[in-house]
Amino acid sequence: MRHLKDVDQLQAVAEFIARDVRVPVYAECCGFAGDRGLLHKEPTEAATAHEAAEVTSGAFDAYLSANRTCEIGMQHTTGRRYQSVPLALERATRPAG
């Protein structure tokens, strides 16, 4: 998302949903490499070691990602349940009932 310069837009959506939004300093490429991460977890573990340590140093209400493969990779490396930003926005704005 940094490469596409979409971080500000994603952060704005996250700030609409939550009061306290934290973007990991080390949030970079997750190294999942398309579907390769489904069979080989080591590249993702190596690529996200610093980010995973930052994420697991606290407890948060939600863990968001911009795409499904990164959700899978980050969930594996952190043990936290990641979800997409659009899904979190939909859930936060769904009418009660």
N, C-alpha and C. Protein backbone atom coordinates (compact mmCIF):
# COMPACT_ATOMS: atom_id res chain seq x y z
N MET A 1 0.82 -1.18 0.00
CA MET A 1 0.00 0.00 0.00
C MET A 1 0.87 1.26 0.00
N ARG A 2 2.04 1.15 0.62
CA ARG A 2 2.94 2.32 0.56
C ARG A 2 3.40 2.58 -0.86
N HIS A 3 3.69 1.52 -1.59
CA HIS A 3 4.13 1.65 -2.97
C HIS A 3 3.04 2.31 -3.82
N LEU A 4 1.79 1.98 -3.55
CA LEU A 4 0.66 2.56 -4.29
C LEU A 4 0.22 3.91 -3.74
N LYS A 5 0.84 4.33 -2.64
CA LYS A 5 0.52 5.59 -1.96
C LYS A 5 -0.94 5.62 -1.47
N ASP A 6 -1.41 4.48 -0.98
CA ASP A 6 -2.77 4.36 -0.47
C ASP A 6 -2.86 4.30 1.05
N VAL A 7 -1.75 4.46 1.74
CA VAL A 7 -1.75 4.33 3.19
C VAL A 7 -2.65 5.38 3.84
N ASP A 8 -2.60 6.61 3.37
CA ASP A 8 -3.42 7.67 3.98
C ASP A 8 -4.91 7.37 3.86
N GLN A 9 -5.33 6.85 2.70
CA GLN A 9 -6.74 6.52 2.52
C GLN A 9 -7.17 5.38 3.43
N LEU A 10 -6.32 4.37 3.53
CA LEU A 10 -6.64 3.24 4.41
C LEU A 10 -6.67 3.67 5.87
N GLN A 11 -5.75 4.54 6.23
CA GLN A 11 -5.72 5.02 7.61
C GLN A 11 -6.97 5.85 7.90
N ALA A 12 -7.43 6.64 6.94
CA ALA A 12 -8.65 7.43 7.13
C ALA A 12 -9.85 6.53 7.38
N VAL A 13 -9.95 5.44 6.65
CA VAL A 13 -11.04 4.49 6.88
C VAL A 13 -10.91 3.88 8.27
N ALA A 14 -9.71 3.48 8.64
CA ALA A 14 -9.49 2.89 9.97
C ALA A 14 -9.85 3.90 11.07
N GLU A 15 -9.52 5.17 10.86
CA GLU A 15 -9.84 6.20 11.86
C GLU A 15 -11.34 6.47 11.94
N PHE A 16 -12.06 6.21 10.87
CA PHE A 16 -13.51 6.32 10.90
C PHE A 16 -14.11 5.22 11.77
N ILE A 17 -13.47 4.07 11.76
CA ILE A 17 -13.96 2.90 12.49
C ILE A 17 -13.54 2.93 13.95
N ALA A 18 -12.31 3.38 14.24
CA ALA A 18 -11.75 3.27 15.58
C ALA A 18 -11.23 4.60 16.10
N ARG A 19 -11.16 4.72 17.41
CA ARG A 19 -10.62 5.94 18.03
C ARG A 19 -9.10 5.97 18.00
N ASP A 20 -8.49 4.83 18.18
CA ASP A 20 -7.03 4.75 18.28
C ASP A 20 -6.52 3.83 17.17
N VAL A 21 -5.85 4.41 16.18
CA VAL A 21 -5.34 3.65 15.04
C VAL A 21 -3.81 3.69 15.09
N ARG A 22 -3.22 2.52 14.97
CA ARG A 22 -1.76 2.44 14.95
C ARG A 22 -1.31 1.65 13.72
N VAL A 23 -0.46 2.26 12.95
CA VAL A 23 0.11 1.59 11.78
C VAL A 23 1.52 1.18 12.17
N PRO A 24 1.83 -0.11 12.12
CA PRO A 24 3.18 -0.55 12.54
C PRO A 24 4.27 0.17 11.74
N VAL A 25 5.30 0.59 12.44
CA VAL A 25 6.44 1.26 11.82
C VAL A 25 7.04 0.36 10.75
N TYR A 26 7.09 -0.92 11.04
CA TYR A 26 7.72 -1.88 10.13
C TYR A 26 6.75 -2.52 9.14
N ALA A 27 5.58 -1.93 8.95
CA ALA A 27 4.61 -2.49 8.00
C ALA A 27 5.14 -2.32 6.58
N GLU A 28 5.56 -3.41 6.02
CA GLU A 28 6.09 -3.44 4.65
C GLU A 28 5.46 -4.61 3.92
N CYS A 29 6.12 -5.11 2.91
CA CYS A 29 5.63 -6.27 2.16
C CYS A 29 5.63 -7.49 3.08
N CYS A 30 4.55 -8.27 3.03
CA CYS A 30 4.45 -9.44 3.90
C CYS A 30 5.22 -10.64 3.36
N GLY A 31 5.69 -10.59 2.12
CA GLY A 31 6.47 -11.68 1.57
C GLY A 31 5.67 -12.93 1.24
N PHE A 32 4.34 -12.82 1.20
CA PHE A 32 3.50 -13.98 0.93
C PHE A 32 3.66 -14.49 -0.50
N ALA A 33 3.93 -13.59 -1.42
CA ALA A 33 4.24 -13.92 -2.82
C ALA A 33 3.13 -14.69 -3.52
N GLY A 34 1.98 -14.04 -3.65
CA GLY A 34 0.85 -14.69 -4.32
C GLY A 34 0.36 -15.87 -3.51
N ASP A 35 0.33 -17.05 -4.11
CA ASP A 35 -0.11 -18.23 -3.38
C ASP A 35 1.05 -19.03 -2.79
N ARG A 36 2.26 -18.59 -3.03
CA ARG A 36 3.44 -19.31 -2.54
C ARG A 36 3.43 -19.42 -1.01
N GLY A 37 2.95 -18.39 -0.35
CA GLY A 37 2.90 -18.39 1.11
C GLY A 37 2.00 -19.46 1.70
N LEU A 38 1.11 -20.00 0.89
CA LEU A 38 0.25 -21.08 1.39
C LEU A 38 1.05 -22.35 1.66
N LEU A 39 2.12 -22.54 0.89
CA LEU A 39 2.94 -23.74 1.04
C LEU A 39 4.26 -23.49 1.77
N HIS A 40 4.76 -22.28 1.70
CA HIS A 40 6.06 -21.94 2.29
C HIS A 40 5.90 -20.73 3.20
N LYS A 41 5.84 -20.95 4.48
CA LYS A 41 5.60 -19.89 5.45
C LYS A 41 6.86 -19.11 5.82
N GLU A 42 8.01 -19.68 5.55
CA GLU A 42 9.27 -19.05 5.98
C GLU A 42 9.52 -17.67 5.38
N PRO A 43 9.25 -17.43 4.09
CA PRO A 43 9.47 -16.08 3.56
C PRO A 43 8.63 -15.02 4.27
N THR A 44 7.38 -15.35 4.56
CA THR A 44 6.52 -14.41 5.27
C THR A 44 7.00 -14.20 6.70
N GLU A 45 7.40 -15.26 7.36
CA GLU A 45 7.92 -15.13 8.72
C GLU A 45 9.15 -14.23 8.76
N ALA A 46 10.04 -14.40 7.79
CA ALA A 46 11.25 -13.58 7.74
C ALA A 46 10.93 -12.14 7.38
N ALA A 47 10.05 -11.94 6.40
CA ALA A 47 9.73 -10.59 5.93
C ALA A 47 8.97 -9.77 6.97
N THR A 48 8.25 -10.44 7.86
CA THR A 48 7.41 -9.71 8.81
C THR A 48 7.89 -9.81 10.26
N ALA A 49 9.09 -10.28 10.48
CA ALA A 49 9.56 -10.49 11.86
C ALA A 49 9.46 -9.23 12.72
N HIS A 50 9.91 -8.10 12.20
CA HIS A 50 9.87 -6.85 12.98
C HIS A 50 8.42 -6.37 13.16
N GLU A 51 7.64 -6.42 12.08
CA GLU A 51 6.24 -6.00 12.16
C GLU A 51 5.46 -6.90 13.12
N ALA A 52 5.67 -8.20 13.04
CA ALA A 52 4.97 -9.14 13.91
C ALA A 52 5.31 -8.87 15.38
N ALA A 53 6.56 -8.58 15.66
CA ALA A 53 6.96 -8.27 17.04
C ALA A 53 6.25 -7.00 17.53
N GLU A 54 6.14 -6.03 16.66
CA GLU A 54 5.46 -4.78 17.01
C GLU A 54 3.97 -5.03 17.25
N VAL A 55 3.35 -5.80 16.38
CA VAL A 55 1.91 -6.08 16.49
C VAL A 55 1.61 -6.89 17.75
N THR A 56 2.42 -7.88 18.04
CA THR A 56 2.15 -8.74 19.19
C THR A 56 2.56 -8.13 20.52
N SER A 57 3.17 -6.95 20.50
CA SER A 57 3.56 -6.30 21.75
C SER A 57 2.37 -5.66 22.47
N GLY A 58 1.22 -5.63 21.82
CA GLY A 58 0.02 -5.06 22.44
C GLY A 58 -1.21 -5.82 22.02
N ALA A 59 -2.33 -5.44 22.58
CA ALA A 59 -3.62 -6.03 22.22
C ALA A 59 -4.47 -4.94 21.60
N PHE A 60 -5.09 -5.26 20.47
CA PHE A 60 -5.89 -4.29 19.75
C PHE A 60 -7.25 -4.89 19.43
N ASP A 61 -8.23 -4.05 19.19
CA ASP A 61 -9.58 -4.52 18.90
C ASP A 61 -9.69 -5.12 17.50
N ALA A 62 -8.85 -4.66 16.59
CA ALA A 62 -8.92 -5.16 15.22
C ALA A 62 -7.52 -5.12 14.60
N TYR A 63 -7.32 -6.01 13.66
CA TYR A 63 -6.08 -6.09 12.90
C TYR A 63 -6.48 -6.06 11.43
N LEU A 64 -6.09 -5.00 10.72
CA LEU A 64 -6.56 -4.79 9.35
C LEU A 64 -5.44 -4.96 8.34
N SER A 65 -5.84 -5.40 7.17
CA SER A 65 -4.92 -5.57 6.06
C SER A 65 -5.61 -5.14 4.78
N ALA A 66 -4.81 -4.78 3.79
CA ALA A 66 -5.37 -4.28 2.54
C ALA A 66 -5.68 -5.38 1.53
N ASN A 67 -5.14 -6.57 1.71
CA ASN A 67 -5.47 -7.63 0.77
C ASN A 67 -5.47 -8.99 1.47
N ARG A 68 -6.14 -9.92 0.85
CA ARG A 68 -6.40 -11.23 1.48
C ARG A 68 -5.12 -12.03 1.75
N THR A 69 -4.19 -12.05 0.81
CA THR A 69 -2.99 -12.85 1.06
C THR A 69 -2.17 -12.28 2.21
N CYS A 70 -2.13 -10.97 2.34
CA CYS A 70 -1.43 -10.38 3.49
C CYS A 70 -2.16 -10.68 4.79
N GLU A 71 -3.49 -10.70 4.74
CA GLU A 71 -4.26 -11.09 5.93
C GLU A 71 -3.84 -12.48 6.39
N ILE A 72 -3.76 -13.42 5.45
CA ILE A 72 -3.39 -14.80 5.77
C ILE A 72 -1.98 -14.84 6.35
N GLY A 73 -1.05 -14.17 5.70
CA GLY A 73 0.35 -14.17 6.15
C GLY A 73 0.51 -13.54 7.52
N MET A 74 -0.12 -12.40 7.74
CA MET A 74 0.02 -11.73 9.03
C MET A 74 -0.70 -12.49 10.14
N GLN A 75 -1.80 -13.12 9.81
CA GLN A 75 -2.48 -13.94 10.81
C GLN A 75 -1.59 -15.10 11.23
N HIS A 76 -0.90 -15.69 10.27
CA HIS A 76 0.02 -16.79 10.58
C HIS A 76 1.17 -16.32 11.48
N THR A 77 1.78 -15.19 11.13
CA THR A 77 2.98 -14.78 11.87
C THR A 77 2.68 -14.14 13.22
N THR A 78 1.47 -13.58 13.39
CA THR A 78 1.15 -12.92 14.66
C THR A 78 0.19 -13.70 15.53
N GLY A 79 -0.56 -14.62 14.93
CA GLY A 79 -1.60 -15.32 15.69
C GLY A 79 -2.83 -14.46 15.92
N ARG A 80 -2.86 -13.27 15.33
CA ARG A 80 -4.01 -12.36 15.46
C ARG A 80 -4.93 -12.54 14.25
N ARG A 81 -6.22 -12.32 14.43
CA ARG A 81 -7.19 -12.47 13.33
C ARG A 81 -7.26 -11.17 12.53
N TYR A 82 -6.70 -11.19 11.34
CA TYR A 82 -6.72 -10.03 10.45
C TYR A 82 -7.98 -10.05 9.60
N GLN A 83 -8.42 -8.86 9.21
CA GLN A 83 -9.54 -8.74 8.30
C GLN A 83 -9.29 -7.59 7.34
N SER A 84 -10.03 -7.58 6.27
CA SER A 84 -9.84 -6.52 5.27
C SER A 84 -10.45 -5.21 5.75
N VAL A 85 -9.91 -4.12 5.26
CA VAL A 85 -10.44 -2.80 5.61
C VAL A 85 -11.88 -2.66 5.14
N PRO A 86 -12.22 -3.05 3.88
CA PRO A 86 -13.62 -2.93 3.46
C PRO A 86 -14.59 -3.74 4.34
N LEU A 87 -14.18 -4.94 4.75
CA LEU A 87 -15.04 -5.76 5.61
C LEU A 87 -15.24 -5.08 6.97
N ALA A 88 -14.18 -4.54 7.54
CA ALA A 88 -14.29 -3.85 8.82
C ALA A 88 -15.20 -2.63 8.70
N LEU A 89 -15.09 -1.90 7.60
CA LEU A 89 -15.94 -0.73 7.38
C LEU A 89 -17.40 -1.16 7.24
N GLU A 90 -17.63 -2.22 6.49
CA GLU A 90 -19.01 -2.71 6.32
C GLU A 90 -19.61 -3.10 7.67
N ARG A 91 -18.85 -3.81 8.47
CA ARG A 91 -19.35 -4.24 9.78
C ARG A 91 -19.61 -3.05 10.71
N ALA A 92 -18.75 -2.03 10.63
CA ALA A 92 -18.89 -0.87 11.50
C ALA A 92 -20.07 0.01 11.10
N THR A 93 -20.47 -0.05 9.86
CA THR A 93 -21.56 0.82 9.39
C THR A 93 -22.85 0.06 9.14
N ARG A 94 -22.88 -1.24 9.40
CA ARG A 94 -24.10 -2.05 9.21
C ARG A 94 -25.16 -1.59 10.20
N PRO A 95 -26.38 -1.38 9.72
CA PRO A 95 -27.45 -1.01 10.64
C PRO A 95 -27.70 -2.11 11.68
N ALA A 96 -27.96 -1.71 12.89
CA ALA A 96 -28.25 -2.69 13.95
C ALA A 96 -29.60 -3.34 13.67
N GLY A 97 -29.68 -4.60 14.03
CA GLY A 97 -30.99 -5.24 13.88
C GLY A 97 -30.97 -6.53 13.32
